[in-house]
Amino acid sequence: MFERLGMECSSLKQKIPRKINISNVASVALGFYHVVAVLTSGEMYGWGHALNGQLGIKKNTNQVGPTKIPFEGGSVVQVACG
């Protein structure tokens, strides 16, 4: 639903967990239709519903897989999604 599984597909019938294409994840925050992961490097990646700017990227389209979220001014330690 809204690609929040992060698997480059929009199937709602995924019954077996699959690894997504990011590593060194320090923490994950879940919104209702989107997900943001913080890496140990301080980078952020998000996927899922982004039509209203939920992911903080310039594209207001749903992201089916991890998409880097730009952040200037340091490293990200923690995020929260609403």
C-alpha atoms as a PDB file:
ATOM      1  CA  MET A   1       0.000   0.000   0.000  1.00  0.00           C
ATOM      2  CA  PHE A   2       1.601   3.225  -1.232  1.00  0.00           C
ATOM      3  CA  GLU A   3       4.871   1.290  -1.685  1.00  0.00           C
ATOM      4  CA  ARG A   4       5.689   1.433   2.025  1.00  0.00           C
ATOM      5  CA  LEU A   5       7.199  -2.059   1.901  1.00  0.00           C
ATOM      6  CA  GLY A   6      10.161  -0.558   0.015  1.00  0.00           C
ATOM      7  CA  MET A   7      10.413  -3.412  -2.459  1.00  0.00           C
ATOM      8  CA  GLU A   8      10.236  -1.622  -5.820  1.00  0.00           C
ATOM      9  CA  CYS A   9       6.714  -2.925  -6.369  1.00  0.00           C
ATOM     10  CA  SER A  10       3.243  -2.030  -5.227  1.00  0.00           C
ATOM     11  CA  SER A  11       1.944  -5.516  -4.476  1.00  0.00           C
ATOM     12  CA  LEU A  12      -0.204  -5.799  -1.379  1.00  0.00           C
ATOM     13  CA  LYS A  13       0.140  -9.589  -1.322  1.00  0.00           C
ATOM     14  CA  GLN A  14       3.704  -9.860   0.001  1.00  0.00           C
ATOM     15  CA  LYS A  15       3.639 -12.550   2.691  1.00  0.00           C
ATOM     16  CA  ILE A  16       7.344 -13.279   3.117  1.00  0.00           C
ATOM     17  CA  PRO A  17       9.705 -10.558   4.399  1.00  0.00           C
ATOM     18  CA  ARG A  18      12.289  -9.356   1.878  1.00  0.00           C
ATOM     19  CA  LYS A  19      15.472  -7.405   2.387  1.00  0.00           C
ATOM     20  CA  ILE A  20      15.372  -3.883   0.965  1.00  0.00           C
ATOM     21  CA  ASN A  21      18.336  -2.299  -0.760  1.00  0.00           C
ATOM     22  CA  ILE A  22      19.893  -0.267   2.082  1.00  0.00           C
ATOM     23  CA  SER A  23      22.310  -1.272   4.814  1.00  0.00           C
ATOM     24  CA  ASN A  24      23.751   0.033   8.075  1.00  0.00           C
ATOM     25  CA  VAL A  25      20.351   1.168   9.338  1.00  0.00           C
ATOM     26  CA  ALA A  26      20.511   2.749  12.794  1.00  0.00           C
ATOM     27  CA  SER A  27      16.789   3.454  13.256  1.00  0.00           C
ATOM     28  CA  VAL A  28      13.463   3.421  11.434  1.00  0.00           C
ATOM     29  CA  ALA A  29      10.389   5.634  11.823  1.00  0.00           C
ATOM     30  CA  LEU A  30       6.979   4.666  10.474  1.00  0.00           C
ATOM     31  CA  GLY A  31       4.210   6.947   9.333  1.00  0.00           C
ATOM     32  CA  PHE A  32       0.789   5.746   8.274  1.00  0.00           C
ATOM     33  CA  TYR A  33       1.833   5.378   4.627  1.00  0.00           C
ATOM     34  CA  HIS A  34       5.576   6.117   4.643  1.00  0.00           C
ATOM     35  CA  VAL A  35       8.837   4.999   6.237  1.00  0.00           C
ATOM     36  CA  VAL A  36      12.109   6.814   6.982  1.00  0.00           C
ATOM     37  CA  ALA A  37      15.360   5.048   7.850  1.00  0.00           C
ATOM     38  CA  VAL A  38      18.409   6.709   9.414  1.00  0.00           C
ATOM     39  CA  LEU A  39      21.739   5.118   8.543  1.00  0.00           C
ATOM     40  CA  THR A  40      24.748   4.917  10.848  1.00  0.00           C
ATOM     41  CA  SER A  41      26.413   7.451   8.501  1.00  0.00           C
ATOM     42  CA  GLY A  42      23.730  10.034   9.373  1.00  0.00           C
ATOM     43  CA  GLU A  43      22.002   9.809   5.996  1.00  0.00           C
ATOM     44  CA  MET A  44      18.221   9.385   5.636  1.00  0.00           C
ATOM     45  CA  TYR A  45      16.247   7.293   3.178  1.00  0.00           C
ATOM     46  CA  GLY A  46      12.496   7.265   2.820  1.00  0.00           C
ATOM     47  CA  TRP A  47       9.838   5.468   0.813  1.00  0.00           C
ATOM     48  CA  GLY A  48       6.086   5.215   0.550  1.00  0.00           C
ATOM     49  CA  HIS A  49       3.463   7.944   0.226  1.00  0.00           C
ATOM     50  CA  ALA A  50       5.019  11.283  -0.671  1.00  0.00           C
ATOM     51  CA  LEU A  51       2.225  13.150  -2.444  1.00  0.00           C
ATOM     52  CA  ASN A  52       2.044  15.798   0.290  1.00  0.00           C
ATOM     53  CA  GLY A  53       5.759  16.189   0.998  1.00  0.00           C
ATOM     54  CA  GLN A  54       5.926  13.522   3.734  1.00  0.00           C
ATOM     55  CA  LEU A  55       9.432  12.451   2.703  1.00  0.00           C
ATOM     56  CA  GLY A  56      10.919  15.924   2.349  1.00  0.00           C
ATOM     57  CA  ILE A  57      12.052  15.359  -1.231  1.00  0.00           C
ATOM     58  CA  LYS A  58      11.352  17.591  -4.212  1.00  0.00           C
ATOM     59  CA  LYS A  59       9.308  14.922  -6.010  1.00  0.00           C
ATOM     60  CA  ASN A  60       5.740  14.722  -4.775  1.00  0.00           C
ATOM     61  CA  THR A  61       5.257  11.188  -6.022  1.00  0.00           C
ATOM     62  CA  ASN A  62       5.066   7.908  -4.151  1.00  0.00           C
ATOM     63  CA  GLN A  63       8.495   6.300  -3.767  1.00  0.00           C
ATOM     64  CA  VAL A  64       8.493   2.536  -4.276  1.00  0.00           C
ATOM     65  CA  GLY A  65      11.979   2.018  -2.863  1.00  0.00           C
ATOM     66  CA  PRO A  66      14.470   3.759  -0.591  1.00  0.00           C
ATOM     67  CA  THR A  67      15.104   7.321  -1.809  1.00  0.00           C
ATOM     68  CA  LYS A  68      17.807   9.497  -0.276  1.00  0.00           C
ATOM     69  CA  ILE A  69      16.367  12.447   1.642  1.00  0.00           C
ATOM     70  CA  PRO A  70      18.626  15.491   1.393  1.00  0.00           C
ATOM     71  CA  PHE A  71      19.721  17.116   4.631  1.00  0.00           C
ATOM     72  CA  GLU A  72      22.193  19.957   5.009  1.00  0.00           C
ATOM     73  CA  GLY A  73      23.884  20.999   8.200  1.00  0.00           C
ATOM     74  CA  GLY A  74      25.146  17.819   9.829  1.00  0.00           C
ATOM     75  CA  SER A  75      24.196  14.237  10.423  1.00  0.00           C
ATOM     76  CA  VAL A  76      20.760  12.933  11.296  1.00  0.00           C
ATOM     77  CA  VAL A  77      20.557  11.038  14.588  1.00  0.00           C
ATOM     78  CA  GLN A  78      16.831  10.341  14.884  1.00  0.00           C
ATOM     79  CA  VAL A  79      13.605  10.987  12.971  1.00  0.00           C
ATOM     80  CA  ALA A  80       9.890  10.709  13.682  1.00  0.00           C
ATOM     81  CA  CYS A  81       7.015  10.272  11.250  1.00  0.00           C
ATOM     82  CA  GLY A  82       3.433  11.296  11.767  1.00  0.00           C
END
